[in-house]
């Protein structure tokens, strides 16, 4: 499958590094596939960009490495350009199947533009292509869940933070407003949430959003006060009918934020 890499628009030194990695891992039967992701796969790489990849291994190898907290793959050998290295994650075939069926949006987004550089797994290209699909079945529910976060953090919690001069709570409130407002706009555009690092640049690119959305968001983050927060929240509220009333928003917030341990382990932040 290195022919696909050779014919791609990937920079020459990145191609060379990918082919080196494939040739090395093909010799080890524990490795079942190499999937190139990130900026290199998308054709957005800088000269010094690292090479993001998923390395698919046999189930028993994956389980062993998971037990040893050794699921990150890092190597510089083969990346003979300034700043080059492999930034890899060790997974198994079950991970790919689960990602296609129920993966989080950041996981799905990580496979956008992915290139299968080597595979011993039949029909892997088809499976990978199913991962980076926007989860339409969650969209309407996400509208309600995300807007409830905007309403509560941008209303009650921001107000209490300002009244009590609580800098920590204010910082938490405005960051959550920015996050979930952004999630709403991305969902409206059926665009996957990539990660916190890339959310702002992704929001700048989506076509449908409130007028001055990015400007108002940045003003809120830079100068969080009653005016900047309420102006930003109102621009989001008036952009679309998100399908949830204020009372329902409180109920959703309780379930998602306070009772989120009922159907599984508490999130890491609440353990």
Protein backbone atom coordinates (compact mmCIF):
# COMPACT_ATOMS: atom_id res chain seq x y z
CA UNK A 1 0.00 0.00 0.00
CA UNK A 2 3.00 2.29 -0.02
CA UNK A 3 1.99 3.05 -3.63
CA UNK A 4 -0.87 5.12 -2.20
CA UNK A 5 1.67 7.12 -0.20
CA UNK A 6 3.94 7.55 -3.24
CA UNK A 7 1.05 8.92 -5.33
CA UNK A 8 -0.26 11.25 -2.65
CA UNK A 9 0.48 14.95 -2.32
CA UNK A 10 2.47 14.37 0.87
CA UNK A 11 5.82 16.16 1.10
CA UNK A 12 8.79 14.10 -0.01
CA UNK A 13 10.55 13.84 3.34
CA UNK A 14 7.31 12.79 5.03
CA UNK A 15 6.75 10.11 2.37
CA UNK A 16 10.25 8.80 2.95
CA UNK A 17 9.66 8.61 6.71
CA UNK A 18 6.32 6.82 6.29
CA UNK A 19 7.80 4.25 3.93
CA UNK A 20 10.65 3.68 6.40
CA UNK A 21 8.13 3.04 9.19
CA UNK A 22 6.07 0.67 7.05
CA UNK A 23 9.08 -1.31 5.90
CA UNK A 24 10.25 -1.71 9.49
CA UNK A 25 6.91 -2.73 10.99
CA UNK A 26 6.00 -5.08 8.13
CA UNK A 27 8.84 -7.30 9.35
CA UNK A 28 7.16 -7.73 12.73
CA UNK A 29 4.12 -10.01 12.62
CA UNK A 30 2.68 -8.37 15.73
CA UNK A 31 1.83 -5.30 13.65
CA UNK A 32 -1.28 -5.62 11.48
CA UNK A 33 -1.59 -2.13 9.99
CA UNK A 34 -0.20 1.39 9.85
CA UNK A 35 -2.71 4.22 9.44
CA UNK A 36 -1.34 7.70 8.77
CA UNK A 37 -3.43 10.55 10.20
CA UNK A 38 -3.11 14.19 11.20
CA UNK A 39 -1.80 17.07 9.12
CA UNK A 40 0.43 14.86 6.98
CA UNK A 41 -2.51 12.70 5.82
CA UNK A 42 -4.70 15.78 5.26
CA UNK A 43 -2.08 17.56 3.19
CA UNK A 44 -1.81 20.39 5.73
CA UNK A 45 1.61 19.57 7.13
CA UNK A 46 4.42 22.05 7.67
CA UNK A 47 7.99 21.16 6.74
CA UNK A 48 8.70 20.15 10.34
CA UNK A 49 5.38 18.46 11.12
CA UNK A 50 5.51 15.18 12.97
CA UNK A 51 3.87 12.05 11.57
CA UNK A 52 0.69 11.07 13.41
CA UNK A 53 -0.31 7.46 13.07
CA UNK A 54 -2.33 4.59 14.46
CA UNK A 55 -0.45 1.30 14.70
CA UNK A 56 -2.76 -1.73 14.76
CA UNK A 57 -1.40 -4.72 16.65
CA UNK A 58 -2.66 -8.18 17.56
CA UNK A 59 -5.18 -8.32 20.40
CA UNK A 60 -2.84 -9.96 22.88
CA UNK A 61 -0.13 -7.38 22.19
CA UNK A 62 -2.62 -4.55 22.65
CA UNK A 63 -3.89 -5.94 25.96
CA UNK A 64 -0.35 -6.41 27.25
CA UNK A 65 0.68 -2.88 26.31
CA UNK A 66 -2.52 -1.47 27.80
CA UNK A 67 -1.77 -3.20 31.10
CA UNK A 68 1.72 -1.67 31.06
CA UNK A 69 0.49 1.83 30.11
CA UNK A 70 2.52 1.58 26.92
CA UNK A 71 0.07 2.60 24.20
CA UNK A 72 2.06 5.60 22.95
CA UNK A 73 4.55 5.07 20.13
CA UNK A 74 7.37 7.59 19.79
CA UNK A 75 10.43 7.28 17.55
CA UNK A 76 12.75 9.61 15.72
CA UNK A 77 14.68 6.95 13.78
CA UNK A 78 13.51 7.17 10.16
CA UNK A 79 12.40 10.81 10.39
CA UNK A 80 15.60 12.33 9.03
CA UNK A 81 14.35 15.92 8.87
CA UNK A 82 14.51 18.71 11.43
CA UNK A 83 11.85 18.33 14.12
CA UNK A 84 10.61 15.02 12.73
CA UNK A 85 9.27 12.11 14.78
CA UNK A 86 6.48 9.53 14.80
CA UNK A 87 3.57 10.30 17.13
CA UNK A 88 1.66 7.04 17.28
CA UNK A 89 -1.09 5.31 19.21
CA UNK A 90 -1.19 1.53 19.61
CA UNK A 91 -4.66 0.07 18.96
CA UNK A 92 -6.25 -3.23 17.94
CA UNK A 93 -8.92 -4.15 15.41
CA UNK A 94 -11.66 -4.00 18.04
CA UNK A 95 -10.77 -0.35 18.65
CA UNK A 96 -11.38 0.47 14.98
CA UNK A 97 -14.73 -1.35 14.96
CA UNK A 98 -15.82 0.40 18.15
CA UNK A 99 -14.72 3.78 16.77
CA UNK A 100 -16.90 3.25 13.68
CA UNK A 101 -19.90 2.25 15.81
CA UNK A 102 -19.72 4.58 18.82
CA UNK A 103 -16.52 6.63 18.72
CA UNK A 104 -16.35 10.07 20.30
CA UNK A 105 -16.16 13.02 17.92
CA UNK A 106 -12.45 13.70 18.63
CA UNK A 107 -11.67 10.05 17.84
CA UNK A 108 -13.75 10.21 14.65
CA UNK A 109 -12.11 13.49 13.66
CA UNK A 110 -8.65 11.99 14.15
CA UNK A 111 -9.38 9.64 11.23
CA UNK A 112 -10.40 12.38 8.79
CA UNK A 113 -8.24 12.02 5.67
CA UNK A 114 -6.57 8.91 7.13
CA UNK A 115 -4.39 6.85 4.78
CA UNK A 116 -3.90 3.11 5.28
CA UNK A 117 -0.20 2.80 4.49
CA UNK A 118 0.03 -0.92 5.24
CA UNK A 119 -2.48 -3.57 6.28
CA UNK A 120 -2.85 -7.28 6.89
CA UNK A 121 -6.54 -6.68 7.74
CA UNK A 122 -9.08 -7.27 4.94
CA UNK A 123 -11.20 -4.26 3.90
CA UNK A 124 -9.49 -1.95 6.37
CA UNK A 125 -9.90 1.07 4.07
CA UNK A 126 -13.69 0.67 4.19
CA UNK A 127 -13.73 0.38 7.98
CA UNK A 128 -11.52 3.44 8.42
CA UNK A 129 -13.73 5.48 6.08
CA UNK A 130 -16.75 4.76 8.32
CA UNK A 131 -15.08 6.20 11.42
CA UNK A 132 -14.81 9.83 10.31
CA UNK A 133 -18.56 10.20 9.67
CA UNK A 134 -20.57 12.78 11.63
CA UNK A 135 -22.91 10.94 14.09
CA UNK A 136 -26.24 12.24 12.80
CA UNK A 137 -28.24 10.19 15.31
CA UNK A 138 -26.82 12.25 18.21
CA UNK A 139 -27.26 15.69 16.66
CA UNK A 140 -30.65 16.75 18.06
CA UNK A 141 -29.85 15.40 21.51
CA UNK A 142 -26.49 17.17 21.41
CA UNK A 143 -28.25 20.45 20.64
CA UNK A 144 -30.15 20.15 23.93
CA UNK A 145 -27.23 18.87 26.00
CA UNK A 146 -24.78 21.49 24.74
CA UNK A 147 -27.18 24.42 24.99
CA UNK A 148 -28.01 23.46 28.59
CA UNK A 149 -24.31 23.86 29.39
CA UNK A 150 -24.20 27.28 27.71
CA UNK A 151 -27.30 28.45 29.60
CA UNK A 152 -26.15 27.32 33.05
CA UNK A 153 -22.49 28.26 32.81
CA UNK A 154 -23.24 31.52 31.01
CA UNK A 155 -26.05 32.38 33.40
CA UNK A 156 -26.07 31.10 36.97
CA UNK A 157 -22.40 30.14 37.34
CA UNK A 158 -20.99 33.21 35.60
CA UNK A 159 -23.27 35.45 37.66
CA UNK A 160 -22.20 33.81 40.94
CA UNK A 161 -18.53 34.00 39.97
CA UNK A 162 -18.79 37.71 39.28
CA UNK A 163 -20.79 38.40 42.43
CA UNK A 164 -18.32 36.50 44.63
CA UNK A 165 -15.22 37.70 42.76
CA UNK A 166 -14.33 34.02 42.31
CA UNK A 167 -11.65 33.97 39.59
CA UNK A 168 -11.52 30.17 39.39
CA UNK A 169 -15.26 29.77 38.92
CA UNK A 170 -15.34 32.60 36.37
CA UNK A 171 -12.53 31.01 34.37
CA UNK A 172 -14.33 27.66 34.47
CA UNK A 173 -17.66 29.22 33.47
CA UNK A 174 -16.42 31.13 30.42
CA UNK A 175 -14.29 28.24 29.19
CA UNK A 176 -17.32 25.93 29.37
CA UNK A 177 -19.49 28.49 27.59
CA UNK A 178 -16.90 28.77 24.81
CA UNK A 179 -16.55 24.99 24.57
CA UNK A 180 -20.24 24.12 24.39
CA UNK A 181 -21.19 27.08 22.23
CA UNK A 182 -18.49 25.88 19.87
CA UNK A 183 -19.87 22.35 20.03
CA UNK A 184 -23.31 23.71 19.12
CA UNK A 185 -22.00 25.56 16.07
CA UNK A 186 -19.99 22.55 14.92
CA UNK A 187 -23.03 20.28 15.37
CA UNK A 188 -25.20 22.76 13.45
CA UNK A 189 -22.70 22.50 10.57
CA UNK A 190 -22.43 18.70 11.00
CA UNK A 191 -18.73 19.14 11.63
CA UNK A 192 -16.84 16.86 14.00
CA UNK A 193 -15.34 18.38 17.14
CA UNK A 194 -11.60 17.76 16.62
CA UNK A 195 -10.08 18.58 20.02
CA UNK A 196 -9.58 21.67 22.17
CA UNK A 197 -6.37 22.57 20.34
CA UNK A 198 -8.07 22.73 16.94
CA UNK A 199 -11.58 23.87 17.87
CA UNK A 200 -11.05 27.59 17.31
CA UNK A 201 -9.53 27.19 13.86
CA UNK A 202 -12.31 24.75 12.93
CA UNK A 203 -14.97 27.23 14.07
CA UNK A 204 -13.42 29.93 11.90
CA UNK A 205 -13.84 27.69 8.84
CA UNK A 206 -17.45 26.52 9.25
CA UNK A 207 -19.84 28.50 7.02
CA UNK A 208 -22.93 28.76 9.27
CA UNK A 209 -22.51 30.67 12.53
CA UNK A 210 -23.78 33.85 14.20
CA UNK A 211 -22.48 37.13 12.89
CA UNK A 212 -19.32 38.20 14.76
CA UNK A 213 -19.31 34.83 16.59
CA UNK A 214 -15.53 34.49 16.81
CA UNK A 215 -15.06 38.14 17.76
CA UNK A 216 -17.66 37.96 20.54
CA UNK A 217 -16.21 34.69 21.82
CA UNK A 218 -12.70 36.14 21.98
CA UNK A 219 -13.95 39.28 23.74
CA UNK A 220 -15.65 37.11 26.37
CA UNK A 221 -12.52 35.05 26.93
CA UNK A 222 -10.24 38.07 27.09
CA UNK A 223 -12.55 40.25 29.23
CA UNK A 224 -15.05 38.04 31.06
CA UNK A 225 -17.70 40.31 32.55
CA UNK A 226 -21.49 40.51 32.62
CA UNK A 227 -21.69 42.31 29.29
CA UNK A 228 -19.29 40.17 27.23
CA UNK A 229 -20.69 36.90 28.59
CA UNK A 230 -24.36 37.78 28.14
CA UNK A 231 -23.74 39.22 24.66
CA UNK A 232 -22.00 36.02 23.54
CA UNK A 233 -24.63 33.75 25.08
CA UNK A 234 -27.41 35.74 23.43
CA UNK A 235 -25.76 35.51 20.00
CA UNK A 236 -25.78 31.71 20.38
CA UNK A 237 -29.30 31.57 21.82
CA UNK A 238 -30.81 33.63 18.99
CA UNK A 239 -28.98 31.82 16.18
CA UNK A 240 -31.19 28.70 16.29
CA UNK A 241 -34.01 27.11 18.25
CA UNK A 242 -31.99 24.51 20.14
CA UNK A 243 -35.15 22.68 21.25
CA UNK A 244 -34.92 23.07 25.02
CA UNK A 245 -36.56 25.36 27.60
CA UNK A 246 -34.81 26.95 30.60
CA UNK A 247 -36.37 24.44 33.04
CA UNK A 248 -35.41 21.52 30.82
CA UNK A 249 -31.90 22.94 30.58
CA UNK A 250 -31.49 22.73 34.36
CA UNK A 251 -32.69 19.12 34.33
CA UNK A 252 -30.27 18.19 31.54
CA UNK A 253 -27.42 19.92 33.36
CA UNK A 254 -28.13 17.93 36.54
CA UNK A 255 -28.12 14.61 34.69
CA UNK A 256 -25.01 15.39 32.61
CA UNK A 257 -22.92 17.13 35.28
CA UNK A 258 -24.04 15.95 38.72
CA UNK A 259 -25.46 12.49 38.06
CA UNK A 260 -23.06 11.42 35.31
CA UNK A 261 -21.80 8.57 37.52
CA UNK A 262 -25.10 6.67 37.56
CA UNK A 263 -24.55 4.62 34.39
CA UNK A 264 -20.79 4.17 34.60
CA UNK A 265 -17.65 5.37 36.31
CA UNK A 266 -17.51 9.04 37.29
CA UNK A 267 -15.56 11.17 34.79
CA UNK A 268 -11.92 11.64 35.72
CA UNK A 269 -12.53 15.20 36.95
CA UNK A 270 -15.06 13.96 39.55
CA UNK A 271 -13.38 10.82 40.91
